[in-house]
Amino acid sequence: MAVQSEEMQDALEILEDLKDDNTIPKNVRSAIERVITSLNDEKSDMSIRIDRAMQELDEISSDINLQPYSRSQLWHITSVLEKFQT
């Protein structure tokens, strides 16, 4: 059972787009890859996956080299994930 919510799927799509965006620093793209992997890790409980992803997104969004638009997208994803916390 992968992530089933439509909102969660949209968030994952945004993350995939960010990961493939060459204007984003390589270290941020690597961190985004870890977020995607964490959210898709079916071995862990959903709340643990979301917590890991939110911690990583918090660190990513504070990168000074990140463009404001990309930062806004990461904040949006964080707010989507907050809805799923129990």
C-alpha atoms as a PDB file:
ATOM      1  CA  MET A   1       0.000   0.000   0.000  1.00  0.00           C
ATOM      2  CA  ALA A   2       1.848   3.051  -1.245  1.00  0.00           C
ATOM      3  CA  VAL A   3       0.692   6.528  -0.406  1.00  0.00           C
ATOM      4  CA  GLN A   4      -2.951   6.690  -1.533  1.00  0.00           C
ATOM      5  CA  SER A   5      -4.204  10.211  -0.900  1.00  0.00           C
ATOM      6  CA  GLU A   6      -4.569  12.456  -3.922  1.00  0.00           C
ATOM      7  CA  GLU A   7      -2.986  15.341  -1.997  1.00  0.00           C
ATOM      8  CA  MET A   8      -0.052  13.139  -1.056  1.00  0.00           C
ATOM      9  CA  GLN A   9       0.368  12.035  -4.667  1.00  0.00           C
ATOM     10  CA  ASP A  10       0.381  15.692  -5.740  1.00  0.00           C
ATOM     11  CA  ALA A  11       3.045  16.459  -3.130  1.00  0.00           C
ATOM     12  CA  LEU A  12       5.173  13.572  -4.386  1.00  0.00           C
ATOM     13  CA  GLU A  13       4.808  14.834  -7.961  1.00  0.00           C
ATOM     14  CA  ILE A  14       5.991  18.295  -6.902  1.00  0.00           C
ATOM     15  CA  LEU A  15       8.945  16.706  -5.125  1.00  0.00           C
ATOM     16  CA  GLU A  16       9.796  14.726  -8.264  1.00  0.00           C
ATOM     17  CA  ASP A  17       9.676  17.920 -10.324  1.00  0.00           C
ATOM     18  CA  LEU A  18      11.944  19.685  -7.839  1.00  0.00           C
ATOM     19  CA  LYS A  19      14.338  16.756  -7.818  1.00  0.00           C
ATOM     20  CA  ASP A  20      14.654  16.996 -11.608  1.00  0.00           C
ATOM     21  CA  ASP A  21      15.048  20.802 -11.624  1.00  0.00           C
ATOM     22  CA  ASN A  22      18.643  21.683 -12.516  1.00  0.00           C
ATOM     23  CA  THR A  23      18.317  25.182 -11.031  1.00  0.00           C
ATOM     24  CA  ILE A  24      18.116  23.661  -7.542  1.00  0.00           C
ATOM     25  CA  PRO A  25      21.450  22.998  -5.811  1.00  0.00           C
ATOM     26  CA  LYS A  26      22.637  19.404  -5.967  1.00  0.00           C
ATOM     27  CA  ASN A  27      22.661  18.964  -2.186  1.00  0.00           C
ATOM     28  CA  VAL A  28      19.011  20.058  -2.044  1.00  0.00           C
ATOM     29  CA  ARG A  29      18.055  17.686  -4.858  1.00  0.00           C
ATOM     30  CA  SER A  30      19.748  14.852  -2.955  1.00  0.00           C
ATOM     31  CA  ALA A  31      17.789  15.744   0.171  1.00  0.00           C
ATOM     32  CA  ILE A  32      14.557  15.835  -1.838  1.00  0.00           C
ATOM     33  CA  GLU A  33      15.382  12.335  -3.095  1.00  0.00           C
ATOM     34  CA  ARG A  34      15.692  11.213   0.532  1.00  0.00           C
ATOM     35  CA  VAL A  35      12.285  12.746   1.298  1.00  0.00           C
ATOM     36  CA  ILE A  36      10.702  10.885  -1.615  1.00  0.00           C
ATOM     37  CA  THR A  37      12.335   7.640  -0.528  1.00  0.00           C
ATOM     38  CA  SER A  38      11.191   8.159   3.040  1.00  0.00           C
ATOM     39  CA  LEU A  39       7.587   8.806   2.025  1.00  0.00           C
ATOM     40  CA  ASN A  40       7.539   5.717  -0.198  1.00  0.00           C
ATOM     41  CA  ASP A  41       9.118   3.405   2.414  1.00  0.00           C
ATOM     42  CA  GLU A  42       6.321   0.917   3.009  1.00  0.00           C
ATOM     43  CA  LYS A  43       8.265  -0.847   5.773  1.00  0.00           C
ATOM     44  CA  SER A  44       7.751   2.106   8.146  1.00  0.00           C
ATOM     45  CA  ASP A  45       4.577   3.419   9.700  1.00  0.00           C
ATOM     46  CA  MET A  46       3.067   6.395   7.858  1.00  0.00           C
ATOM     47  CA  SER A  47       3.489   8.741  10.832  1.00  0.00           C
ATOM     48  CA  ILE A  48       7.206   7.914  11.008  1.00  0.00           C
ATOM     49  CA  ARG A  49       7.622   8.458   7.264  1.00  0.00           C
ATOM     50  CA  ILE A  50       5.882  11.816   7.452  1.00  0.00           C
ATOM     51  CA  ASP A  51       7.920  12.891  10.476  1.00  0.00           C
ATOM     52  CA  ARG A  52      11.190  12.037   8.731  1.00  0.00           C
ATOM     53  CA  ALA A  53      10.115  13.835   5.585  1.00  0.00           C
ATOM     54  CA  MET A  54       9.051  16.952   7.489  1.00  0.00           C
ATOM     55  CA  GLN A  55      12.357  17.120   9.345  1.00  0.00           C
ATOM     56  CA  GLU A  56      14.259  16.850   6.076  1.00  0.00           C
ATOM     57  CA  LEU A  57      12.034  19.454   4.397  1.00  0.00           C
ATOM     58  CA  ASP A  58      12.615  21.830   7.295  1.00  0.00           C
ATOM     59  CA  GLU A  59      16.371  21.550   6.789  1.00  0.00           C
ATOM     60  CA  ILE A  60      16.089  21.891   3.008  1.00  0.00           C
ATOM     61  CA  SER A  61      13.899  24.995   3.134  1.00  0.00           C
ATOM     62  CA  SER A  62      16.517  26.890   5.123  1.00  0.00           C
ATOM     63  CA  ASP A  63      19.184  26.504   2.412  1.00  0.00           C
ATOM     64  CA  ILE A  64      20.249  30.014   1.409  1.00  0.00           C
ATOM     65  CA  ASN A  65      20.882  28.981  -2.204  1.00  0.00           C
ATOM     66  CA  LEU A  66      17.298  27.851  -2.721  1.00  0.00           C
ATOM     67  CA  GLN A  67      15.129  30.023  -4.957  1.00  0.00           C
ATOM     68  CA  PRO A  68      12.083  31.599  -3.264  1.00  0.00           C
ATOM     69  CA  TYR A  69       9.655  29.773  -5.572  1.00  0.00           C
ATOM     70  CA  SER A  70      11.203  26.403  -4.742  1.00  0.00           C
ATOM     71  CA  ARG A  71      11.145  27.250  -1.045  1.00  0.00           C
ATOM     72  CA  SER A  72       7.424  28.065  -1.323  1.00  0.00           C
ATOM     73  CA  GLN A  73       6.803  24.701  -2.961  1.00  0.00           C
ATOM     74  CA  LEU A  74       8.608  22.943  -0.102  1.00  0.00           C
ATOM     75  CA  TRP A  75       6.529  24.848   2.447  1.00  0.00           C
ATOM     76  CA  HIS A  76       3.385  23.793   0.591  1.00  0.00           C
ATOM     77  CA  ILE A  77       4.465  20.157   0.748  1.00  0.00           C
ATOM     78  CA  THR A  78       5.179  20.537   4.467  1.00  0.00           C
ATOM     79  CA  SER A  79       1.672  21.879   5.044  1.00  0.00           C
ATOM     80  CA  VAL A  80       0.198  18.963   3.093  1.00  0.00           C
ATOM     81  CA  LEU A  81       2.194  16.502   5.219  1.00  0.00           C
ATOM     82  CA  GLU A  82       1.048  18.217   8.412  1.00  0.00           C
ATOM     83  CA  LYS A  83      -2.521  17.246   7.528  1.00  0.00           C
ATOM     84  CA  PHE A  84      -1.536  13.583   7.688  1.00  0.00           C
ATOM     85  CA  GLN A  85       0.169  13.687  11.091  1.00  0.00           C
ATOM     86  CA  THR A  86      -1.675  11.829  13.810  1.00  0.00           C
END
